[in-house]
């Protein structure tokens, strides 16, 4: 079964969704960290609404310290490797959200295959989205510097199952990074 709302839902889930690097560690210009969604745990049934309630309150002070826009850029391609070849994520939504403590909870749930309640609208104001072209390529400009999750999803044409792909990247002021969202 295809879920056309899944990319939008992932953008809302991952708004601000990122993990903080260990104390004192700065990642600049290195390879993107791949965070791959696993299979749904057998003991994790969704609530009647299908979403997990958020336990972490919105950290207004943490977001107030973040910039909403900047002069960095991110480009790349969304693809899925299947038994029959590589499938381009054509027309899919790509979301870029800043690293915050608020989002750690959502990231953990998303990686476990569960959706959390929609993010606070104040957090969504910091999330940048775009759509891929017919070959799965994307470009986002006007990003601030900082640490971000870049996420997208691609349906496996054989099974119809959506594969969510999340990479963590760091952007410096004025930097243009390329990231391959591939699974």
N, C-alpha and C. Protein backbone atom coordinates (compact mmCIF):
# COMPACT_ATOMS: atom_id res chain seq x y z
N UNK A 1 0.85 -1.17 0.00
CA UNK A 1 0.00 0.00 0.00
C UNK A 1 0.89 1.23 0.00
N UNK A 2 0.61 2.15 -0.87
CA UNK A 2 1.39 3.38 -0.94
C UNK A 2 0.76 4.42 -0.03
N UNK A 3 1.60 5.22 0.59
CA UNK A 3 1.14 6.28 1.48
C UNK A 3 1.70 7.61 0.98
N UNK A 4 0.95 8.34 0.15
CA UNK A 4 1.45 9.58 -0.41
C UNK A 4 1.69 10.66 0.64
N UNK A 5 1.11 10.52 1.82
CA UNK A 5 1.29 11.51 2.86
C UNK A 5 2.55 11.26 3.69
N UNK A 6 3.21 10.11 3.50
CA UNK A 6 4.38 9.77 4.31
C UNK A 6 5.51 10.78 4.21
N UNK A 7 5.89 11.28 3.02
CA UNK A 7 6.97 12.28 2.98
C UNK A 7 6.63 13.55 3.76
N UNK A 8 5.39 13.98 3.68
CA UNK A 8 4.98 15.17 4.42
C UNK A 8 5.01 14.88 5.91
N UNK A 9 4.52 13.72 6.30
CA UNK A 9 4.54 13.31 7.69
C UNK A 9 5.97 13.24 8.22
N UNK A 10 6.89 12.69 7.40
CA UNK A 10 8.29 12.61 7.83
C UNK A 10 8.87 14.01 8.03
N UNK A 11 8.51 14.94 7.16
CA UNK A 11 8.98 16.31 7.32
C UNK A 11 8.51 16.90 8.64
N UNK A 12 7.25 16.63 8.99
CA UNK A 12 6.72 17.13 10.25
C UNK A 12 7.35 16.41 11.44
N UNK A 13 7.55 15.12 11.33
CA UNK A 13 8.15 14.35 12.41
C UNK A 13 9.58 14.80 12.65
N UNK A 14 10.30 14.99 11.56
CA UNK A 14 11.72 15.30 11.69
C UNK A 14 12.00 16.78 11.84
N UNK A 15 10.98 17.58 11.96
CA UNK A 15 11.21 19.00 12.17
C UNK A 15 12.07 19.15 13.41
N UNK A 16 13.22 19.65 13.23
CA UNK A 16 14.15 19.80 14.33
C UNK A 16 14.75 18.49 14.77
N UNK A 17 14.59 17.46 14.00
CA UNK A 17 14.98 16.13 14.39
C UNK A 17 16.43 15.85 14.10
N UNK A 18 17.26 15.86 15.09
CA UNK A 18 18.65 15.53 14.91
C UNK A 18 19.25 15.14 16.23
N UNK A 19 20.36 14.45 16.14
CA UNK A 19 21.05 14.05 17.34
C UNK A 19 22.23 14.98 17.55
N UNK A 20 22.51 15.32 18.80
CA UNK A 20 23.63 16.18 19.10
C UNK A 20 24.92 15.36 19.08
N UNK A 21 26.03 15.93 18.54
CA UNK A 21 27.29 15.21 18.56
C UNK A 21 27.82 15.17 19.99
N UNK A 22 28.73 14.24 20.30
CA UNK A 22 29.30 14.18 21.63
C UNK A 22 29.97 15.50 22.00
N UNK A 23 30.04 15.80 23.31
CA UNK A 23 30.67 17.03 23.79
C UNK A 23 32.03 17.24 23.16
N UNK A 24 32.26 18.44 22.69
CA UNK A 24 33.58 18.79 22.17
C UNK A 24 33.88 18.31 20.77
N UNK A 25 32.96 17.59 20.14
CA UNK A 25 33.21 17.06 18.80
C UNK A 25 32.55 17.98 17.78
N UNK A 26 33.32 18.47 16.84
CA UNK A 26 32.80 19.29 15.77
C UNK A 26 33.01 18.54 14.47
N UNK A 27 31.94 18.34 13.71
CA UNK A 27 32.04 17.65 12.43
C UNK A 27 31.86 18.66 11.33
N UNK A 28 32.88 18.89 10.57
CA UNK A 28 32.81 19.83 9.44
C UNK A 28 33.39 19.15 8.22
N UNK A 29 32.63 19.13 7.16
CA UNK A 29 33.15 18.68 5.88
C UNK A 29 33.37 17.18 5.75
N UNK A 30 33.11 16.41 6.80
CA UNK A 30 33.31 14.97 6.73
C UNK A 30 32.13 14.32 6.02
N UNK A 31 32.17 13.01 5.90
CA UNK A 31 31.06 12.33 5.24
C UNK A 31 29.78 12.43 6.07
N UNK A 32 28.65 12.37 5.40
CA UNK A 32 27.37 12.40 6.09
C UNK A 32 27.20 11.10 6.86
N UNK A 33 26.60 11.21 8.02
CA UNK A 33 26.30 10.03 8.82
C UNK A 33 24.99 9.45 8.32
N UNK A 34 24.96 8.17 8.02
CA UNK A 34 23.76 7.52 7.52
C UNK A 34 23.00 6.96 8.71
N UNK A 35 21.74 7.31 8.80
CA UNK A 35 20.87 6.78 9.84
C UNK A 35 19.77 6.05 9.11
N UNK A 36 19.75 4.76 9.25
CA UNK A 36 18.85 3.92 8.47
C UNK A 36 17.71 3.44 9.34
N UNK A 37 16.50 3.51 8.82
CA UNK A 37 15.35 3.03 9.58
C UNK A 37 15.32 1.51 9.53
N UNK A 38 15.06 0.92 10.65
CA UNK A 38 14.98 -0.54 10.72
C UNK A 38 13.54 -1.00 10.63
N UNK A 39 13.36 -2.27 10.81
CA UNK A 39 12.01 -2.82 10.80
C UNK A 39 11.28 -2.40 12.07
N UNK A 40 9.98 -2.33 11.99
CA UNK A 40 9.17 -1.98 13.16
C UNK A 40 9.30 -3.08 14.21
N UNK A 41 9.53 -2.68 15.44
CA UNK A 41 9.62 -3.63 16.53
C UNK A 41 8.25 -4.29 16.71
N UNK A 42 8.22 -5.62 16.96
CA UNK A 42 6.95 -6.32 17.02
C UNK A 42 6.05 -5.86 18.16
N UNK A 43 6.60 -5.29 19.24
CA UNK A 43 5.79 -4.92 20.39
C UNK A 43 5.40 -3.44 20.38
N UNK A 44 5.48 -2.76 19.24
CA UNK A 44 5.20 -1.33 19.19
C UNK A 44 3.99 -1.06 18.31
N UNK A 45 2.83 -1.25 18.87
CA UNK A 45 1.59 -0.99 18.12
C UNK A 45 1.28 0.49 18.21
N UNK A 46 0.85 1.10 17.10
CA UNK A 46 0.50 2.51 17.15
C UNK A 46 -0.76 2.73 17.98
N UNK A 47 -0.90 3.94 18.50
CA UNK A 47 -2.11 4.30 19.25
C UNK A 47 -3.28 4.36 18.27
N UNK A 48 -4.50 4.51 18.79
CA UNK A 48 -5.66 4.61 17.88
C UNK A 48 -5.49 5.71 16.83
N UNK A 49 -4.78 6.80 17.19
CA UNK A 49 -4.56 7.88 16.22
C UNK A 49 -3.41 7.53 15.28
N UNK A 50 -2.67 6.46 15.60
CA UNK A 50 -1.54 6.06 14.77
C UNK A 50 -0.26 6.82 15.10
N UNK A 51 -0.28 7.68 16.12
CA UNK A 51 0.88 8.49 16.48
C UNK A 51 1.24 8.33 17.95
N UNK A 52 2.53 8.45 18.22
CA UNK A 52 3.03 8.38 19.58
C UNK A 52 3.01 9.79 20.16
N UNK A 53 2.44 9.97 21.36
CA UNK A 53 2.43 11.32 21.96
C UNK A 53 3.86 11.79 22.27
N UNK A 54 4.11 13.07 22.09
CA UNK A 54 5.42 13.65 22.43
C UNK A 54 5.54 13.75 23.94
N UNK A 55 6.73 13.41 24.43
CA UNK A 55 7.02 13.50 25.86
C UNK A 55 7.91 14.71 26.17
N UNK A 56 8.66 15.17 25.17
CA UNK A 56 9.59 16.27 25.36
C UNK A 56 8.91 17.58 24.98
N UNK A 57 8.89 18.57 25.90
CA UNK A 57 8.28 19.86 25.55
C UNK A 57 9.16 20.65 24.58
N UNK A 58 8.54 21.54 23.83
CA UNK A 58 9.27 22.37 22.87
C UNK A 58 10.24 23.29 23.61
N UNK A 59 11.55 23.23 23.29
CA UNK A 59 12.55 24.08 23.96
C UNK A 59 12.70 25.44 23.26
N UNK A 60 11.85 26.38 23.59
CA UNK A 60 11.82 27.68 22.92
C UNK A 60 13.19 28.36 22.96
N UNK A 61 13.92 28.25 24.08
CA UNK A 61 15.23 28.91 24.20
C UNK A 61 16.23 28.32 23.21
N UNK A 62 16.20 27.03 23.04
CA UNK A 62 17.13 26.36 22.13
C UNK A 62 16.86 26.80 20.69
N UNK A 63 15.61 26.88 20.30
CA UNK A 63 15.27 27.31 18.95
C UNK A 63 15.56 28.80 18.75
N UNK A 64 15.37 29.59 19.80
CA UNK A 64 15.62 31.03 19.68
C UNK A 64 17.08 31.32 19.32
N UNK A 65 17.97 30.41 19.67
CA UNK A 65 19.40 30.58 19.37
C UNK A 65 19.75 30.17 17.95
N UNK A 66 18.82 29.55 17.23
CA UNK A 66 19.08 29.08 15.86
C UNK A 66 18.66 30.12 14.83
N UNK A 67 19.36 30.12 13.72
CA UNK A 67 18.98 30.96 12.58
C UNK A 67 17.97 30.18 11.74
N UNK A 68 17.05 30.88 11.12
CA UNK A 68 16.08 30.23 10.24
C UNK A 68 16.58 30.15 8.80
N UNK A 69 17.40 31.10 8.39
CA UNK A 69 17.93 31.12 7.03
C UNK A 69 19.40 31.48 7.07
N UNK A 70 20.05 31.28 5.93
CA UNK A 70 21.47 31.61 5.81
C UNK A 70 21.88 31.55 4.36
N UNK A 71 23.18 31.32 4.12
CA UNK A 71 23.67 31.28 2.74
C UNK A 71 24.35 29.96 2.40
N UNK A 72 24.02 28.91 3.12
CA UNK A 72 24.55 27.58 2.82
C UNK A 72 23.58 26.87 1.87
N UNK A 73 24.07 25.83 1.22
CA UNK A 73 23.23 25.06 0.28
C UNK A 73 23.51 23.57 0.44
N UNK A 74 22.53 22.78 0.09
CA UNK A 74 22.63 21.33 0.17
C UNK A 74 21.99 20.77 -1.09
N UNK A 75 22.70 19.87 -1.75
CA UNK A 75 22.15 19.22 -2.93
C UNK A 75 22.46 17.74 -2.86
N UNK A 76 21.82 16.97 -3.72
CA UNK A 76 22.07 15.54 -3.74
C UNK A 76 21.03 14.80 -4.54
N UNK A 77 20.96 13.50 -4.26
CA UNK A 77 20.04 12.63 -4.98
C UNK A 77 19.47 11.61 -4.01
N UNK A 78 18.18 11.34 -4.15
CA UNK A 78 17.46 10.35 -3.36
C UNK A 78 17.26 9.11 -4.21
N UNK A 79 17.84 7.97 -3.78
CA UNK A 79 17.69 6.72 -4.54
C UNK A 79 17.53 5.55 -3.60
N UNK A 80 17.05 4.45 -4.16
CA UNK A 80 16.88 3.20 -3.43
C UNK A 80 17.45 2.08 -4.27
N UNK A 81 18.33 1.28 -3.69
CA UNK A 81 18.87 0.11 -4.38
C UNK A 81 17.93 -1.06 -4.16
N UNK A 82 17.48 -1.66 -5.26
CA UNK A 82 16.59 -2.81 -5.18
C UNK A 82 17.21 -3.98 -5.93
N UNK A 83 16.60 -5.14 -5.83
CA UNK A 83 17.10 -6.31 -6.54
C UNK A 83 17.08 -6.09 -8.05
N UNK A 84 16.17 -5.26 -8.52
CA UNK A 84 16.07 -5.02 -9.96
C UNK A 84 16.83 -3.77 -10.42
N UNK A 85 17.55 -3.11 -9.50
CA UNK A 85 18.34 -1.94 -9.87
C UNK A 85 18.08 -0.75 -8.96
N UNK A 86 18.62 0.39 -9.33
CA UNK A 86 18.48 1.61 -8.54
C UNK A 86 17.22 2.36 -8.97
N UNK A 87 16.43 2.75 -7.97
CA UNK A 87 15.20 3.49 -8.21
C UNK A 87 15.41 4.92 -7.74
N UNK A 88 15.16 5.89 -8.62
CA UNK A 88 15.26 7.30 -8.24
C UNK A 88 14.00 7.71 -7.50
N UNK A 89 14.18 8.50 -6.45
CA UNK A 89 13.05 9.03 -5.69
C UNK A 89 12.47 10.24 -6.39
N UNK A 90 11.72 10.02 -7.44
CA UNK A 90 11.16 11.10 -8.25
C UNK A 90 9.97 11.77 -7.56
N UNK A 91 10.00 13.10 -7.48
CA UNK A 91 8.88 13.85 -6.92
C UNK A 91 8.68 13.67 -5.43
N UNK A 92 9.71 13.24 -4.73
CA UNK A 92 9.60 13.01 -3.28
C UNK A 92 9.99 14.26 -2.50
N UNK A 93 9.51 14.37 -1.27
CA UNK A 93 9.83 15.48 -0.39
C UNK A 93 11.13 15.22 0.35
N UNK A 94 12.00 16.22 0.35
CA UNK A 94 13.24 16.20 1.13
C UNK A 94 13.07 17.22 2.24
N UNK A 95 13.37 16.83 3.48
CA UNK A 95 13.27 17.72 4.63
C UNK A 95 14.65 17.90 5.25
N UNK A 96 14.95 19.14 5.64
CA UNK A 96 16.19 19.47 6.32
C UNK A 96 15.80 20.19 7.60
N UNK A 97 16.15 19.60 8.75
CA UNK A 97 15.75 20.15 10.05
C UNK A 97 16.96 20.24 10.97
N UNK A 98 17.03 21.27 11.82
CA UNK A 98 18.19 21.46 12.70
C UNK A 98 18.24 20.48 13.87
N UNK A 99 19.43 20.28 14.39
CA UNK A 99 19.65 19.43 15.56
C UNK A 99 19.15 20.15 16.80
N UNK A 100 18.27 19.49 17.53
CA UNK A 100 17.79 20.03 18.82
C UNK A 100 17.48 18.86 19.75
N UNK A 101 17.34 19.14 21.03
CA UNK A 101 16.95 18.08 21.96
C UNK A 101 15.50 17.67 21.74
N UNK A 102 14.67 18.60 21.31
CA UNK A 102 13.25 18.33 21.04
C UNK A 102 13.10 17.24 19.98
N UNK A 103 13.98 17.30 19.01
CA UNK A 103 13.85 16.38 17.89
C UNK A 103 14.43 14.99 18.15
N UNK A 104 15.25 14.85 19.16
CA UNK A 104 15.84 13.54 19.45
C UNK A 104 14.76 12.49 19.68
N UNK A 105 13.72 12.89 20.38
CA UNK A 105 12.61 11.97 20.64
C UNK A 105 11.94 11.55 19.33
N UNK A 106 11.66 12.52 18.46
CA UNK A 106 11.01 12.22 17.19
C UNK A 106 11.89 11.33 16.32
N UNK A 107 13.19 11.61 16.32
CA UNK A 107 14.11 10.80 15.52
C UNK A 107 14.11 9.35 16.01
N UNK A 108 14.16 9.18 17.31
CA UNK A 108 14.17 7.83 17.88
C UNK A 108 12.91 7.07 17.47
N UNK A 109 11.77 7.73 17.55
CA UNK A 109 10.51 7.09 17.17
C UNK A 109 10.46 6.79 15.67
N UNK A 110 10.92 7.75 14.86
CA UNK A 110 10.91 7.55 13.41
C UNK A 110 11.80 6.38 13.02
N UNK A 111 12.96 6.28 13.65
CA UNK A 111 13.88 5.18 13.33
C UNK A 111 13.33 3.84 13.79
N UNK A 112 12.41 3.87 14.76
CA UNK A 112 11.76 2.65 15.22
C UNK A 112 10.51 2.34 14.39
N UNK A 113 10.22 3.20 13.40
CA UNK A 113 9.07 2.96 12.53
C UNK A 113 7.76 3.50 13.05
N UNK A 114 7.83 4.40 14.05
CA UNK A 114 6.61 4.98 14.62
C UNK A 114 6.57 6.48 14.34
N UNK A 115 5.38 7.01 14.15
CA UNK A 115 5.19 8.44 13.94
C UNK A 115 4.79 9.09 15.25
N UNK A 116 5.36 10.25 15.53
CA UNK A 116 4.97 11.01 16.72
C UNK A 116 3.97 12.07 16.31
N UNK A 117 3.36 12.69 17.32
CA UNK A 117 2.46 13.79 17.04
C UNK A 117 3.19 14.86 16.24
N UNK A 118 2.48 15.65 15.45
CA UNK A 118 3.14 16.70 14.67
C UNK A 118 3.96 17.64 15.56
N UNK A 119 5.02 18.17 14.98
CA UNK A 119 5.90 19.08 15.70
C UNK A 119 5.20 20.40 15.99
N UNK A 120 5.65 21.05 17.01
CA UNK A 120 5.18 22.39 17.35
C UNK A 120 5.39 23.30 16.14
N UNK A 121 4.42 24.15 15.80
CA UNK A 121 4.60 25.05 14.64
C UNK A 121 5.85 25.92 14.74
N UNK A 122 6.29 26.24 15.94
CA UNK A 122 7.52 27.03 16.09
C UNK A 122 8.72 26.25 15.59
N UNK A 123 8.73 24.93 15.75
CA UNK A 123 9.84 24.10 15.26
C UNK A 123 9.78 23.97 13.75
N UNK A 124 8.58 23.87 13.21
CA UNK A 124 8.41 23.72 11.76
C UNK A 124 8.94 24.93 11.00
N UNK A 125 8.99 26.09 11.66
CA UNK A 125 9.50 27.30 11.02
C UNK A 125 11.00 27.19 10.71
N UNK A 126 11.68 26.22 11.30
CA UNK A 126 13.12 26.03 11.09
C UNK A 126 13.42 24.89 10.11
N UNK A 127 12.39 24.23 9.61
CA UNK A 127 12.57 23.10 8.70
C UNK A 127 12.43 23.57 7.26
N UNK A 128 13.37 23.14 6.44
CA UNK A 128 13.38 23.50 5.01
C UNK A 128 13.00 22.25 4.21
N UNK A 129 12.15 22.43 3.20
CA UNK A 129 11.75 21.28 2.38
C UNK A 129 11.84 21.64 0.90
N UNK A 130 11.98 20.61 0.10
CA UNK A 130 11.96 20.74 -1.35
C UNK A 130 11.48 19.42 -1.91
N UNK A 131 11.31 19.37 -3.22
CA UNK A 131 10.93 18.13 -3.89
C UNK A 131 12.03 17.74 -4.86
N UNK A 132 12.16 16.44 -5.06
CA UNK A 132 13.14 15.94 -6.01
C UNK A 132 12.59 16.06 -7.43
N UNK A 133 13.51 16.10 -8.39
CA UNK A 133 13.08 16.12 -9.79
C UNK A 133 12.80 14.69 -10.25
N UNK A 134 12.57 14.49 -11.53
CA UNK A 134 12.22 13.18 -12.08
C UNK A 134 13.33 12.14 -11.90
N UNK A 135 14.57 12.60 -11.71
CA UNK A 135 15.70 11.68 -11.51
C UNK A 135 16.14 11.59 -10.05
N UNK A 136 15.37 12.18 -9.13
CA UNK A 136 15.67 12.10 -7.71
C UNK A 136 16.62 13.17 -7.18
N UNK A 137 17.01 14.12 -8.02
CA UNK A 137 17.94 15.17 -7.58
C UNK A 137 17.19 16.29 -6.86
N UNK A 138 17.89 16.92 -5.89
CA UNK A 138 17.30 18.03 -5.15
C UNK A 138 18.35 19.09 -4.86
N UNK A 139 17.89 20.31 -4.56
CA UNK A 139 18.74 21.42 -4.19
C UNK A 139 17.98 22.31 -3.22
N UNK A 140 18.63 22.63 -2.10
CA UNK A 140 18.07 23.55 -1.12
C UNK A 140 19.09 24.66 -0.90
N UNK A 141 18.65 25.90 -1.06
CA UNK A 141 19.51 27.06 -0.82
C UNK A 141 18.94 27.85 0.34
N UNK A 142 19.75 28.77 0.86
CA UNK A 142 19.28 29.64 1.94
C UNK A 142 19.27 28.98 3.30
N UNK A 143 20.07 27.93 3.46
CA UNK A 143 20.14 27.23 4.74
C UNK A 143 21.12 27.92 5.69
N UNK A 144 20.82 27.92 6.99
CA UNK A 144 21.78 28.47 7.95
C UNK A 144 22.90 27.47 8.20
N UNK A 145 23.96 27.90 8.84
CA UNK A 145 25.00 26.95 9.23
C UNK A 145 24.50 26.17 10.45
N UNK A 146 25.04 24.97 10.65
CA UNK A 146 24.65 24.15 11.79
C UNK A 146 24.60 22.68 11.43
N UNK A 147 24.07 21.90 12.35
CA UNK A 147 23.92 20.45 12.17
C UNK A 147 22.47 20.15 11.81
N UNK A 148 22.30 19.28 10.81
CA UNK A 148 20.96 19.00 10.28
C UNK A 148 20.75 17.53 9.98
N UNK A 149 19.48 17.14 10.03
CA UNK A 149 19.05 15.87 9.45
C UNK A 149 18.53 16.20 8.06
N UNK A 150 18.89 15.36 7.10
CA UNK A 150 18.33 15.44 5.76
C UNK A 150 17.57 14.13 5.58
N UNK A 151 16.29 14.22 5.27
CA UNK A 151 15.49 12.99 5.19
C UNK A 151 14.62 12.96 3.95
N UNK A 152 14.35 11.76 3.51
CA UNK A 152 13.45 11.51 2.39
C UNK A 152 13.00 10.07 2.44
N UNK A 153 12.05 9.72 1.59
CA UNK A 153 11.61 8.33 1.53
C UNK A 153 11.33 7.94 0.09
N UNK A 154 11.54 6.66 -0.20
CA UNK A 154 11.33 6.11 -1.54
C UNK A 154 10.55 4.82 -1.40
N UNK A 155 9.57 4.63 -2.27
CA UNK A 155 8.80 3.38 -2.26
C UNK A 155 9.52 2.33 -3.10
N UNK A 156 9.62 1.13 -2.55
CA UNK A 156 10.17 0.01 -3.29
C UNK A 156 9.09 -0.40 -4.30
N UNK A 157 9.42 -0.36 -5.61
CA UNK A 157 8.38 -0.67 -6.61
C UNK A 157 7.88 -2.11 -6.54
N UNK A 158 8.67 -3.01 -5.98
CA UNK A 158 8.24 -4.40 -5.89
C UNK A 158 7.26 -4.62 -4.75
N UNK A 159 7.62 -4.12 -3.56
CA UNK A 159 6.79 -4.37 -2.37
C UNK A 159 5.84 -3.22 -2.06
N UNK A 160 6.13 -2.02 -2.58
CA UNK A 160 5.34 -0.85 -2.23
C UNK A 160 5.71 -0.25 -0.89
N UNK A 161 6.61 -0.91 -0.18
CA UNK A 161 7.04 -0.45 1.15
C UNK A 161 7.88 0.81 1.04
N UNK A 162 7.58 1.80 1.88
CA UNK A 162 8.34 3.05 1.93
C UNK A 162 9.61 2.83 2.73
N UNK A 163 10.72 3.28 2.18
CA UNK A 163 12.01 3.21 2.84
C UNK A 163 12.44 4.62 3.20
N UNK A 164 12.53 4.89 4.49
CA UNK A 164 12.91 6.21 4.99
C UNK A 164 14.42 6.26 5.13
N UNK A 165 15.02 7.34 4.62
CA UNK A 165 16.46 7.50 4.65
C UNK A 165 16.76 8.83 5.33
N UNK A 166 17.64 8.80 6.33
CA UNK A 166 18.01 10.00 7.07
C UNK A 166 19.53 10.07 7.13
N UNK A 167 20.09 11.22 6.77
CA UNK A 167 21.52 11.47 6.91
C UNK A 167 21.69 12.69 7.81
N UNK A 168 22.75 12.69 8.59
CA UNK A 168 23.06 13.85 9.41
C UNK A 168 24.24 14.57 8.76
N UNK A 169 24.12 15.88 8.58
CA UNK A 169 25.18 16.68 7.97
C UNK A 169 25.42 17.95 8.77
N UNK A 170 26.62 18.49 8.62
CA UNK A 170 26.97 19.79 9.20
C UNK A 170 27.22 20.75 8.05
N UNK A 171 26.72 21.96 8.19
CA UNK A 171 26.92 23.00 7.19
C UNK A 171 27.60 24.20 7.82
N UNK A 172 28.64 24.71 7.17
CA UNK A 172 29.29 25.93 7.60
C UNK A 172 28.68 27.10 6.83
N UNK A 173 28.90 28.30 7.31
CA UNK A 173 28.40 29.50 6.65
C UNK A 173 28.89 29.55 5.21
N UNK A 174 27.98 29.66 4.26
CA UNK A 174 28.32 29.75 2.85
C UNK A 174 28.70 28.44 2.18
N UNK A 175 28.71 27.35 2.90
CA UNK A 175 29.13 26.06 2.36
C UNK A 175 28.03 25.43 1.49
N UNK A 176 28.45 24.70 0.45
CA UNK A 176 27.54 23.90 -0.36
C UNK A 176 28.00 22.45 -0.21
N UNK A 177 27.15 21.63 0.38
CA UNK A 177 27.44 20.20 0.57
C UNK A 177 26.56 19.38 -0.33
N UNK A 178 27.09 18.24 -0.73
CA UNK A 178 26.32 17.28 -1.51
C UNK A 178 26.13 16.05 -0.65
N UNK A 179 24.92 15.52 -0.64
CA UNK A 179 24.62 14.32 0.14
C UNK A 179 23.80 13.36 -0.73
N UNK A 180 24.18 12.11 -0.68
CA UNK A 180 23.46 11.08 -1.43
C UNK A 180 22.56 10.34 -0.44
N UNK A 181 21.27 10.55 -0.57
CA UNK A 181 20.29 9.83 0.26
C UNK A 181 20.03 8.52 -0.46
N UNK A 182 20.67 7.46 0.03
CA UNK A 182 20.62 6.18 -0.66
C UNK A 182 20.50 5.07 0.36
N UNK A 183 19.72 4.08 0.00
CA UNK A 183 19.60 2.89 0.85
C UNK A 183 19.55 1.70 -0.04
